[in-house]
Amino acid sequence: MHLIDSHAHLDSFAETPGELHAILSRAAAAGVQTILAIGIGDGPDSMHLALEIANEIANEAANDTSTPQIFASAGIHPQEAVSATPEALAKLTTLAAHPRCIAIGEIGLDYYHADNPLPPIQHAAFIAQMNIAAAVRKPILIHCRTSELATPAAKARFEPFGGPDAAWNDLLDLIHQYWTPHHLPGIMHCFSGSVEQAQRSIDAGFYLSFAGNLTYPKSVAIREAATLAPANRILVETDAPFLAPIPHRGQRNEPALVTHIAAALAQLRGISTPQLAALTTENFHTLFPSTR
């Protein structure tokens, strides 16, 4: 059985000597053959680190099939939208042109934290990055978090812009205006929306990637969307080191644990885990042909 982790922050494991290689070794032992390393860093100054890791591992593992293939993305997270300066966007443009950088992201909107930039600033950064992705004809990886479960301070900051679902409504409107005309796909990373939002995302050409929160008891809407999504539009991810799935919830997540997410998604859809693994692997390669 082979699996692909479509979203992991591998640079989070590069700070301690030897940890990244241990993580990758456990991933390979679990059947993870490919990982998409997310290049947002702690902001634009470090968004290149994922691509550096991908290049380094590619050089080291040229003749070693026991190490997963690593590809990278690059992007400016919506929480860092104020840092989407002309200089940062120029850096992103350079990273986006690299063959091993296969996507732009994670980008999008986040109305969850009270200290996040106001929507107009987030919108401008999102639009600028969609334009960069369109220029290089590469998919985008979407982060969307609403204010529905946020603190009162965050609700007071963001809900005047359109209520608890404003982030989703704004996101899909911006995608329709600035992305859909290019006829390019993307991924709704860690999909956490409703069935309706899932359908609107699919209609816009996006894949839905499911993470560890799929396994959490309260994630009823996510499981409903995961059950109803078309078979050719689903992916699995860890979002490591975040959102560890049950039975590892509360621990530090890592790519090897994508097996638990795959098993949960397979059970929801009434197929075997190996079938789910084969399906999501093919979907990933369809979205990113250069990874075959």
C-alpha atoms as a PDB file:
ATOM      1  CA  MET A   1       0.000   0.000   0.000  1.00  0.00           C
ATOM      2  CA  HIS A   2       1.332   3.407  -1.001  1.00  0.00           C
ATOM      3  CA  LEU A   3       0.078   6.728   0.310  1.00  0.00           C
ATOM      4  CA  ILE A   4       0.744  10.390  -0.400  1.00  0.00           C
ATOM      5  CA  ASP A   5       0.681  13.043   2.317  1.00  0.00           C
ATOM      6  CA  SER A   6      -0.545  16.042   0.366  1.00  0.00           C
ATOM      7  CA  HIS A   7       0.247  18.637   3.055  1.00  0.00           C
ATOM      8  CA  ALA A   8       2.986  18.556   5.709  1.00  0.00           C
ATOM      9  CA  HIS A   9       5.134  21.297   7.214  1.00  0.00           C
ATOM     10  CA  LEU A  10       8.432  19.439   7.035  1.00  0.00           C
ATOM     11  CA  ASP A  11      10.464  22.526   7.908  1.00  0.00           C
ATOM     12  CA  SER A  12       9.017  22.179  11.420  1.00  0.00           C
ATOM     13  CA  PHE A  13      11.079  18.998  11.784  1.00  0.00           C
ATOM     14  CA  ALA A  14      14.332  20.439  10.450  1.00  0.00           C
ATOM     15  CA  GLU A  15      15.303  22.371  13.568  1.00  0.00           C
ATOM     16  CA  THR A  16      16.592  19.351  15.517  1.00  0.00           C
ATOM     17  CA  PRO A  17      19.516  17.485  13.903  1.00  0.00           C
ATOM     18  CA  GLY A  18      18.434  14.109  12.577  1.00  0.00           C
ATOM     19  CA  GLU A  19      14.738  14.577  13.307  1.00  0.00           C
ATOM     20  CA  LEU A  20      13.653  15.138   9.715  1.00  0.00           C
ATOM     21  CA  HIS A  21      15.385  11.989   8.485  1.00  0.00           C
ATOM     22  CA  ALA A  22      13.813   9.989  11.317  1.00  0.00           C
ATOM     23  CA  ILE A  23      10.390  11.371  10.367  1.00  0.00           C
ATOM     24  CA  LEU A  24      10.928  10.445   6.728  1.00  0.00           C
ATOM     25  CA  SER A  25      12.146   6.978   7.636  1.00  0.00           C
ATOM     26  CA  ARG A  26       8.977   6.318   9.666  1.00  0.00           C
ATOM     27  CA  ALA A  27       6.885   7.687   6.816  1.00  0.00           C
ATOM     28  CA  ALA A  28       8.511   5.329   4.318  1.00  0.00           C
ATOM     29  CA  ALA A  29       7.998   2.388   6.676  1.00  0.00           C
ATOM     30  CA  ALA A  30       4.291   3.298   6.872  1.00  0.00           C
ATOM     31  CA  GLY A  31       3.987   3.259   3.079  1.00  0.00           C
ATOM     32  CA  VAL A  32       4.131   7.003   2.438  1.00  0.00           C
ATOM     33  CA  GLN A  33       5.818   7.359  -0.936  1.00  0.00           C
ATOM     34  CA  THR A  34       5.426  11.103  -1.539  1.00  0.00           C
ATOM     35  CA  ILE A  35       5.058  14.199   0.650  1.00  0.00           C
ATOM     36  CA  LEU A  36       4.155  17.724  -0.382  1.00  0.00           C
ATOM     37  CA  ALA A  37       6.181  20.006   1.906  1.00  0.00           C
ATOM     38  CA  ILE A  38       4.414  23.289   2.518  1.00  0.00           C
ATOM     39  CA  GLY A  39       6.533  26.376   2.033  1.00  0.00           C
ATOM     40  CA  ILE A  40       5.100  29.122   4.199  1.00  0.00           C
ATOM     41  CA  GLY A  41       7.746  29.018   6.929  1.00  0.00           C
ATOM     42  CA  ASP A  42       7.217  31.596   9.661  1.00  0.00           C
ATOM     43  CA  GLY A  43       6.535  34.163   6.953  1.00  0.00           C
ATOM     44  CA  PRO A  44       8.019  35.180   3.606  1.00  0.00           C
ATOM     45  CA  ASP A  45      11.567  35.316   4.989  1.00  0.00           C
ATOM     46  CA  SER A  46      11.524  31.531   5.455  1.00  0.00           C
ATOM     47  CA  MET A  47       9.057  30.327   2.830  1.00  0.00           C
ATOM     48  CA  HIS A  48      11.973  28.924   0.810  1.00  0.00           C
ATOM     49  CA  LEU A  49      12.823  26.272   3.405  1.00  0.00           C
ATOM     50  CA  ALA A  50      10.412  23.625   2.106  1.00  0.00           C
ATOM     51  CA  LEU A  51      11.916  23.820  -1.366  1.00  0.00           C
ATOM     52  CA  GLU A  52      15.408  23.579   0.113  1.00  0.00           C
ATOM     53  CA  ILE A  53      14.354  20.415   1.957  1.00  0.00           C
ATOM     54  CA  ALA A  54      12.790  18.967  -1.196  1.00  0.00           C
ATOM     55  CA  ASN A  55      15.947  19.610  -3.212  1.00  0.00           C
ATOM     56  CA  GLU A  56      18.208  18.255  -0.487  1.00  0.00           C
ATOM     57  CA  ILE A  57      16.218  15.046  -0.078  1.00  0.00           C
ATOM     58  CA  ALA A  58      16.015  14.592  -3.852  1.00  0.00           C
ATOM     59  CA  ASN A  59      19.806  14.766  -4.081  1.00  0.00           C
ATOM     60  CA  GLU A  60      20.330  12.415  -1.129  1.00  0.00           C
ATOM     61  CA  ALA A  61      17.705   9.886  -2.204  1.00  0.00           C
ATOM     62  CA  ALA A  62      18.447   9.706  -5.926  1.00  0.00           C
ATOM     63  CA  ASN A  63      19.115   5.973  -5.612  1.00  0.00           C
ATOM     64  CA  ASP A  64      17.209   5.279  -2.389  1.00  0.00           C
ATOM     65  CA  THR A  65      13.633   4.104  -2.821  1.00  0.00           C
ATOM     66  CA  SER A  66      13.198   3.818   0.952  1.00  0.00           C
ATOM     67  CA  THR A  67      12.921   7.612   1.282  1.00  0.00           C
ATOM     68  CA  PRO A  68       9.705   9.359   0.237  1.00  0.00           C
ATOM     69  CA  GLN A  69       9.814  11.748  -2.671  1.00  0.00           C
ATOM     70  CA  ILE A  70       9.521  15.335  -1.464  1.00  0.00           C
ATOM     71  CA  PHE A  71       7.974  18.127  -3.484  1.00  0.00           C
ATOM     72  CA  ALA A  72       7.346  21.644  -2.244  1.00  0.00           C
ATOM     73  CA  SER A  73       5.008  24.583  -2.376  1.00  0.00           C
ATOM     74  CA  ALA A  74       5.638  28.229  -1.586  1.00  0.00           C
ATOM     75  CA  GLY A  75       3.277  30.921  -0.428  1.00  0.00           C
ATOM     76  CA  ILE A  76       2.336  33.603   2.077  1.00  0.00           C
ATOM     77  CA  HIS A  77      -0.191  32.457   4.676  1.00  0.00           C
ATOM     78  CA  PRO A  78      -3.164  34.810   5.197  1.00  0.00           C
ATOM     79  CA  GLN A  79      -2.021  35.468   8.762  1.00  0.00           C
ATOM     80  CA  GLU A  80       1.106  36.993   7.202  1.00  0.00           C
ATOM     81  CA  ALA A  81      -0.769  39.004   4.563  1.00  0.00           C
ATOM     82  CA  VAL A  82       0.755  42.294   5.724  1.00  0.00           C
ATOM     83  CA  SER A  83       4.127  40.826   4.724  1.00  0.00           C
ATOM     84  CA  ALA A  84       3.040  40.305   1.101  1.00  0.00           C
ATOM     85  CA  THR A  85       5.249  43.177  -0.008  1.00  0.00           C
ATOM     86  CA  PRO A  86       6.519  43.605  -3.574  1.00  0.00           C
ATOM     87  CA  GLU A  87       9.811  42.090  -2.419  1.00  0.00           C
ATOM     88  CA  ALA A  88       8.091  39.065  -0.855  1.00  0.00           C
ATOM     89  CA  LEU A  89       5.944  38.539  -3.935  1.00  0.00           C
ATOM     90  CA  ALA A  90       9.046  38.741  -6.128  1.00  0.00           C
ATOM     91  CA  LYS A  91      10.664  36.046  -3.985  1.00  0.00           C
ATOM     92  CA  LEU A  92       7.542  33.906  -4.344  1.00  0.00           C
ATOM     93  CA  THR A  93       7.637  34.363  -8.115  1.00  0.00           C
ATOM     94  CA  THR A  94      11.198  33.057  -8.182  1.00  0.00           C
ATOM     95  CA  LEU A  95      10.373  30.047  -6.000  1.00  0.00           C
ATOM     96  CA  ALA A  96       7.248  29.283  -8.031  1.00  0.00           C
ATOM     97  CA  ALA A  97       9.301  28.847 -11.184  1.00  0.00           C
ATOM     98  CA  HIS A  98      11.340  25.971  -9.737  1.00  0.00           C
ATOM     99  CA  PRO A  99      10.307  22.542 -11.121  1.00  0.00           C
ATOM    100  CA  ARG A 100      10.162  20.928  -7.663  1.00  0.00           C
ATOM    101  CA  CYS A 101       7.873  23.705  -6.417  1.00  0.00           C
ATOM    102  CA  ILE A 102       4.624  22.241  -7.717  1.00  0.00           C
ATOM    103  CA  ALA A 103       2.043  24.517  -6.079  1.00  0.00           C
ATOM    104  CA  ILE A 104       1.471  27.937  -4.547  1.00  0.00           C
ATOM    105  CA  GLY A 105       0.282  27.872  -0.955  1.00  0.00           C
ATOM    106  CA  GLU A 106      -1.011  27.604   1.483  1.00  0.00           C
ATOM    107  CA  ILE A 107      -2.827  30.825   0.677  1.00  0.00           C
ATOM    108  CA  GLY A 108      -6.354  32.043   1.305  1.00  0.00           C
ATOM    109  CA  LEU A 109      -8.288  33.683   4.125  1.00  0.00           C
ATOM    110  CA  ASP A 110      -8.255  33.326   7.915  1.00  0.00           C
ATOM    111  CA  TYR A 111     -10.834  35.161  10.010  1.00  0.00           C
ATOM    112  CA  TYR A 112     -10.202  33.107  13.142  1.00  0.00           C
ATOM    113  CA  HIS A 113      -7.524  34.985  15.089  1.00  0.00           C
ATOM    114  CA  ALA A 114      -8.259  38.444  16.439  1.00  0.00           C
ATOM    115  CA  ASP A 115      -4.824  39.764  15.487  1.00  0.00           C
ATOM    116  CA  ASN A 116      -5.021  38.614  11.864  1.00  0.00           C
ATOM    117  CA  PRO A 117      -4.972  41.279   9.143  1.00  0.00           C
ATOM    118  CA  LEU A 118      -8.325  42.748   8.190  1.00  0.00           C
ATOM    119  CA  PRO A 119     -10.082  41.178   5.183  1.00  0.00           C
ATOM    120  CA  PRO A 120      -9.072  43.793   2.579  1.00  0.00           C
ATOM    121  CA  ILE A 121      -5.388  43.151   3.351  1.00  0.00           C
ATOM    122  CA  GLN A 122      -5.879  39.377   3.208  1.00  0.00           C
ATOM    123  CA  HIS A 123      -7.801  39.693  -0.058  1.00  0.00           C
ATOM    124  CA  ALA A 124      -5.035  41.697  -1.703  1.00  0.00           C
ATOM    125  CA  ALA A 125      -2.368  39.152  -0.723  1.00  0.00           C
ATOM    126  CA  PHE A 126      -4.562  36.268  -1.905  1.00  0.00           C
ATOM    127  CA  ILE A 127      -5.270  37.884  -5.288  1.00  0.00           C
ATOM    128  CA  ALA A 128      -1.590  38.703  -5.841  1.00  0.00           C
ATOM    129  CA  GLN A 129      -0.613  35.084  -5.180  1.00  0.00           C
ATOM    130  CA  MET A 130      -3.338  33.673  -7.402  1.00  0.00           C
ATOM    131  CA  ASN A 131      -1.926  35.865 -10.162  1.00  0.00           C
ATOM    132  CA  ILE A 132       1.560  34.439  -9.586  1.00  0.00           C
ATOM    133  CA  ALA A 133       0.216  30.877  -9.636  1.00  0.00           C
ATOM    134  CA  ALA A 134      -1.718  31.548 -12.835  1.00  0.00           C
ATOM    135  CA  ALA A 135       1.417  32.927 -14.501  1.00  0.00           C
ATOM    136  CA  VAL A 136       3.331  29.693 -13.842  1.00  0.00           C
ATOM    137  CA  ARG A 137       0.247  27.488 -14.410  1.00  0.00           C
ATOM    138  CA  LYS A 138       0.511  25.709 -11.061  1.00  0.00           C
ATOM    139  CA  PRO A 139      -2.299  24.738  -8.637  1.00  0.00           C
ATOM    140  CA  ILE A 140      -3.034  26.665  -5.456  1.00  0.00           C
ATOM    141  CA  LEU A 141      -3.359  25.226  -1.936  1.00  0.00           C
ATOM    142  CA  ILE A 142      -6.151  26.924  -0.019  1.00  0.00           C
ATOM    143  CA  HIS A 143      -6.329  27.725   3.676  1.00  0.00           C
ATOM    144  CA  CYS A 144      -9.757  28.860   4.852  1.00  0.00           C
ATOM    145  CA  ARG A 145     -10.726  29.378   8.467  1.00  0.00           C
ATOM    146  CA  THR A 146     -13.912  31.103   9.569  1.00  0.00           C
ATOM    147  CA  SER A 147     -14.773  33.045  12.718  1.00  0.00           C
ATOM    148  CA  GLU A 148     -17.539  30.610  13.658  1.00  0.00           C
ATOM    149  CA  LEU A 149     -15.611  29.096  16.603  1.00  0.00           C
ATOM    150  CA  ALA A 150     -13.381  32.110  17.252  1.00  0.00           C
ATOM    151  CA  THR A 151     -13.030  34.252  20.353  1.00  0.00           C
ATOM    152  CA  PRO A 152     -15.459  37.118  20.941  1.00  0.00           C
ATOM    153  CA  ALA A 153     -12.685  39.537  19.994  1.00  0.00           C
ATOM    154  CA  ALA A 154     -12.165  37.806  16.649  1.00  0.00           C
ATOM    155  CA  LYS A 155     -15.902  37.674  15.995  1.00  0.00           C
ATOM    156  CA  ALA A 156     -16.153  41.401  16.670  1.00  0.00           C
ATOM    157  CA  ARG A 157     -13.290  42.035  14.239  1.00  0.00           C
ATOM    158  CA  PHE A 158     -14.379  39.827  11.348  1.00  0.00           C
ATOM    159  CA  GLU A 159     -18.115  39.106  11.482  1.00  0.00           C
ATOM    160  CA  PRO A 160     -19.126  42.652  10.445  1.00  0.00           C
ATOM    161  CA  PHE A 161     -17.656  41.668   7.069  1.00  0.00           C
ATOM    162  CA  GLY A 162     -20.356  39.040   6.503  1.00  0.00           C
ATOM    163  CA  GLY A 163     -21.073  36.870   9.529  1.00  0.00           C
ATOM    164  CA  PRO A 164     -19.563  33.563  10.714  1.00  0.00           C
ATOM    165  CA  ASP A 165     -19.120  32.191   7.161  1.00  0.00           C
ATOM    166  CA  ALA A 166     -17.646  35.364   5.698  1.00  0.00           C
ATOM    167  CA  ALA A 167     -14.260  33.736   5.096  1.00  0.00           C
ATOM    168  CA  TRP A 168     -15.763  30.969   2.971  1.00  0.00           C
ATOM    169  CA  ASN A 169     -18.033  33.331   1.046  1.00  0.00           C
ATOM    170  CA  ASP A 170     -15.228  35.803   0.401  1.00  0.00           C
ATOM    171  CA  LEU A 171     -12.827  33.021  -0.564  1.00  0.00           C
ATOM    172  CA  LEU A 172     -15.129  31.393  -3.084  1.00  0.00           C
ATOM    173  CA  ASP A 173     -16.086  34.763  -4.571  1.00  0.00           C
ATOM    174  CA  LEU A 174     -12.418  35.695  -5.038  1.00  0.00           C
ATOM    175  CA  ILE A 175     -11.654  32.301  -6.557  1.00  0.00           C
ATOM    176  CA  HIS A 176     -14.552  32.714  -8.976  1.00  0.00           C
ATOM    177  CA  GLN A 177     -13.324  36.138 -10.024  1.00  0.00           C
ATOM    178  CA  TYR A 178      -9.549  35.685 -10.092  1.00  0.00           C
ATOM    179  CA  TRP A 179      -8.838  31.936 -10.428  1.00  0.00           C
ATOM    180  CA  THR A 180     -11.626  30.140 -12.274  1.00  0.00           C
ATOM    181  CA  PRO A 181     -11.047  32.066 -15.536  1.00  0.00           C
ATOM    182  CA  HIS A 182      -7.597  30.454 -15.769  1.00  0.00           C
ATOM    183  CA  HIS A 183      -9.075  26.918 -15.760  1.00  0.00           C
ATOM    184  CA  LEU A 184      -6.519  25.738 -13.215  1.00  0.00           C
ATOM    185  CA  PRO A 185      -7.132  23.363 -10.274  1.00  0.00           C
ATOM    186  CA  GLY A 186      -6.259  23.542  -6.612  1.00  0.00           C
ATOM    187  CA  ILE A 187      -6.636  21.874  -3.228  1.00  0.00           C
ATOM    188  CA  MET A 188      -8.874  22.845  -0.351  1.00  0.00           C
ATOM    189  CA  HIS A 189      -6.333  21.952   2.322  1.00  0.00           C
ATOM    190  CA  CYS A 190      -7.644  20.389   5.541  1.00  0.00           C
ATOM    191  CA  PHE A 191     -11.179  20.739   4.262  1.00  0.00           C
ATOM    192  CA  SER A 192     -13.382  21.771   7.180  1.00  0.00           C
ATOM    193  CA  GLY A 193     -16.426  23.270   5.506  1.00  0.00           C
ATOM    194  CA  SER A 194     -19.977  22.167   4.837  1.00  0.00           C
ATOM    195  CA  VAL A 195     -21.355  19.939   2.096  1.00  0.00           C
ATOM    196  CA  GLU A 196     -22.465  23.076   0.228  1.00  0.00           C
ATOM    197  CA  GLN A 197     -18.984  24.611   0.481  1.00  0.00           C
ATOM    198  CA  ALA A 198     -17.491  21.320  -0.640  1.00  0.00           C
ATOM    199  CA  GLN A 199     -19.722  21.294  -3.718  1.00  0.00           C
ATOM    200  CA  ARG A 200     -18.882  24.907  -4.573  1.00  0.00           C
ATOM    201  CA  SER A 201     -15.185  24.052  -4.228  1.00  0.00           C
ATOM    202  CA  ILE A 202     -15.514  21.006  -6.491  1.00  0.00           C
ATOM    203  CA  ASP A 203     -17.471  23.039  -9.042  1.00  0.00           C
ATOM    204  CA  ALA A 204     -14.573  25.519  -9.054  1.00  0.00           C
ATOM    205  CA  GLY A 205     -12.135  22.732  -9.954  1.00  0.00           C
ATOM    206  CA  PHE A 206     -10.738  21.970  -6.513  1.00  0.00           C
ATOM    207  CA  TYR A 207      -9.797  18.739  -4.771  1.00  0.00           C
ATOM    208  CA  LEU A 208     -10.746  18.249  -1.108  1.00  0.00           C
ATOM    209  CA  SER A 209      -7.905  17.157   1.151  1.00  0.00           C
ATOM    210  CA  PHE A 210      -8.890  15.581   4.463  1.00  0.00           C
ATOM    211  CA  ALA A 211      -6.726  15.757   7.588  1.00  0.00           C
ATOM    212  CA  GLY A 212      -6.713  14.408  11.136  1.00  0.00           C
ATOM    213  CA  ASN A 213      -9.777  16.397  12.185  1.00  0.00           C
ATOM    214  CA  LEU A 214     -11.792  14.000  10.002  1.00  0.00           C
ATOM    215  CA  THR A 215     -11.383  11.518  12.872  1.00  0.00           C
ATOM    216  CA  TYR A 216     -12.572  13.860  15.650  1.00  0.00           C
ATOM    217  CA  PRO A 217     -16.013  13.096  17.157  1.00  0.00           C
ATOM    218  CA  LYS A 218     -17.462  16.568  16.544  1.00  0.00           C
ATOM    219  CA  SER A 219     -16.449  16.709  12.861  1.00  0.00           C
ATOM    220  CA  VAL A 220     -19.840  15.594  11.568  1.00  0.00           C
ATOM    221  CA  ALA A 221     -20.039  18.061   8.663  1.00  0.00           C
ATOM    222  CA  ILE A 222     -16.501  17.205   7.516  1.00  0.00           C
ATOM    223  CA  ARG A 223     -17.321  13.485   7.477  1.00  0.00           C
ATOM    224  CA  GLU A 224     -20.515  14.167   5.529  1.00  0.00           C
ATOM    225  CA  ALA A 225     -18.541  16.108   2.913  1.00  0.00           C
ATOM    226  CA  ALA A 226     -15.890  13.377   2.821  1.00  0.00           C
ATOM    227  CA  THR A 227     -18.556  10.745   2.197  1.00  0.00           C
ATOM    228  CA  LEU A 228     -20.276  12.644  -0.616  1.00  0.00           C
ATOM    229  CA  ALA A 229     -17.224  14.039  -2.461  1.00  0.00           C
ATOM    230  CA  PRO A 230     -16.507  12.551  -5.907  1.00  0.00           C
ATOM    231  CA  ALA A 231     -13.956   9.754  -5.796  1.00  0.00           C
ATOM    232  CA  ASN A 232     -11.653  11.576  -8.219  1.00  0.00           C
ATOM    233  CA  ARG A 233     -11.472  14.713  -6.063  1.00  0.00           C
ATOM    234  CA  ILE A 234     -10.293  13.467  -2.657  1.00  0.00           C
ATOM    235  CA  LEU A 235      -6.848  13.518  -1.068  1.00  0.00           C
ATOM    236  CA  VAL A 236      -5.399  12.817   2.377  1.00  0.00           C
ATOM    237  CA  GLU A 237      -2.924  14.865   4.384  1.00  0.00           C
ATOM    238  CA  THR A 238      -1.519  15.203   7.872  1.00  0.00           C
ATOM    239  CA  ASP A 239      -0.909  18.970   8.148  1.00  0.00           C
ATOM    240  CA  ALA A 240       1.982  17.760  10.319  1.00  0.00           C
ATOM    241  CA  PRO A 241       3.009  18.698  12.938  1.00  0.00           C
ATOM    242  CA  PHE A 242      -0.585  19.796  13.619  1.00  0.00           C
ATOM    243  CA  LEU A 243      -3.940  17.978  13.909  1.00  0.00           C
ATOM    244  CA  ALA A 244      -2.779  14.480  14.790  1.00  0.00           C
ATOM    245  CA  PRO A 245      -5.572  11.974  14.118  1.00  0.00           C
ATOM    246  CA  ILE A 246      -7.184   9.726  16.672  1.00  0.00           C
ATOM    247  CA  PRO A 247      -5.648   7.692  18.343  1.00  0.00           C
ATOM    248  CA  HIS A 248      -2.728  10.175  18.446  1.00  0.00           C
ATOM    249  CA  ARG A 249      -4.744  13.344  19.030  1.00  0.00           C
ATOM    250  CA  GLY A 250      -2.847  15.844  21.164  1.00  0.00           C
ATOM    251  CA  GLN A 251       0.533  14.488  20.089  1.00  0.00           C
ATOM    252  CA  ARG A 252       2.866  15.911  17.486  1.00  0.00           C
ATOM    253  CA  ASN A 253       1.649  14.809  14.092  1.00  0.00           C
ATOM    254  CA  GLU A 254       3.905  13.415  11.350  1.00  0.00           C
ATOM    255  CA  PRO A 255       3.473  12.023   7.812  1.00  0.00           C
ATOM    256  CA  ALA A 256       3.478   8.366   8.923  1.00  0.00           C
ATOM    257  CA  LEU A 257       0.145   8.997  10.667  1.00  0.00           C
ATOM    258  CA  VAL A 258      -1.617   9.683   7.367  1.00  0.00           C
ATOM    259  CA  THR A 259      -2.443   5.964   7.470  1.00  0.00           C
ATOM    260  CA  HIS A 260      -5.042   6.662  10.187  1.00  0.00           C
ATOM    261  CA  ILE A 261      -6.688   9.365   8.093  1.00  0.00           C
ATOM    262  CA  ALA A 262      -6.759   7.104   5.058  1.00  0.00           C
ATOM    263  CA  ALA A 263      -8.343   4.321   7.104  1.00  0.00           C
ATOM    264  CA  ALA A 264     -11.020   6.671   8.471  1.00  0.00           C
ATOM    265  CA  LEU A 265     -11.819   8.041   5.017  1.00  0.00           C
ATOM    266  CA  ALA A 266     -11.948   4.547   3.547  1.00  0.00           C
ATOM    267  CA  GLN A 267     -14.392   3.405   6.219  1.00  0.00           C
ATOM    268  CA  LEU A 268     -16.641   6.411   5.555  1.00  0.00           C
ATOM    269  CA  ARG A 269     -16.696   5.646   1.844  1.00  0.00           C
ATOM    270  CA  GLY A 270     -17.184   1.893   2.250  1.00  0.00           C
ATOM    271  CA  ILE A 271     -13.943   0.798   0.590  1.00  0.00           C
ATOM    272  CA  SER A 272     -10.743  -0.807   1.841  1.00  0.00           C
ATOM    273  CA  THR A 273      -7.794   1.280   2.996  1.00  0.00           C
ATOM    274  CA  PRO A 274      -5.594  -0.024   0.139  1.00  0.00           C
ATOM    275  CA  GLN A 275      -8.293   1.011  -2.329  1.00  0.00           C
ATOM    276  CA  LEU A 276      -8.459   4.461  -0.759  1.00  0.00           C
ATOM    277  CA  ALA A 277      -4.675   4.720  -0.868  1.00  0.00           C
ATOM    278  CA  ALA A 278      -4.584   3.825  -4.552  1.00  0.00           C
ATOM    279  CA  LEU A 279      -7.402   6.267  -5.310  1.00  0.00           C
ATOM    280  CA  THR A 280      -5.887   9.258  -3.522  1.00  0.00           C
ATOM    281  CA  THR A 281      -2.437   8.495  -4.938  1.00  0.00           C
ATOM    282  CA  GLU A 282      -3.829   8.542  -8.476  1.00  0.00           C
ATOM    283  CA  ASN A 283      -5.724  11.751  -7.734  1.00  0.00           C
ATOM    284  CA  PHE A 284      -2.539  13.439  -6.527  1.00  0.00           C
ATOM    285  CA  HIS A 285      -0.620  12.367  -9.619  1.00  0.00           C
ATOM    286  CA  THR A 286      -3.441  13.581 -11.843  1.00  0.00           C
ATOM    287  CA  LEU A 287      -3.294  16.974 -10.165  1.00  0.00           C
ATOM    288  CA  PHE A 288       0.521  17.041 -10.218  1.00  0.00           C
ATOM    289  CA  PRO A 289       1.663  15.009 -13.272  1.00  0.00           C
ATOM    290  CA  SER A 290       5.335  15.800 -12.650  1.00  0.00           C
ATOM    291  CA  THR A 291       5.232  13.741  -9.434  1.00  0.00           C
ATOM    292  CA  ARG A 292       4.653  10.389 -11.171  1.00  0.00           C
END
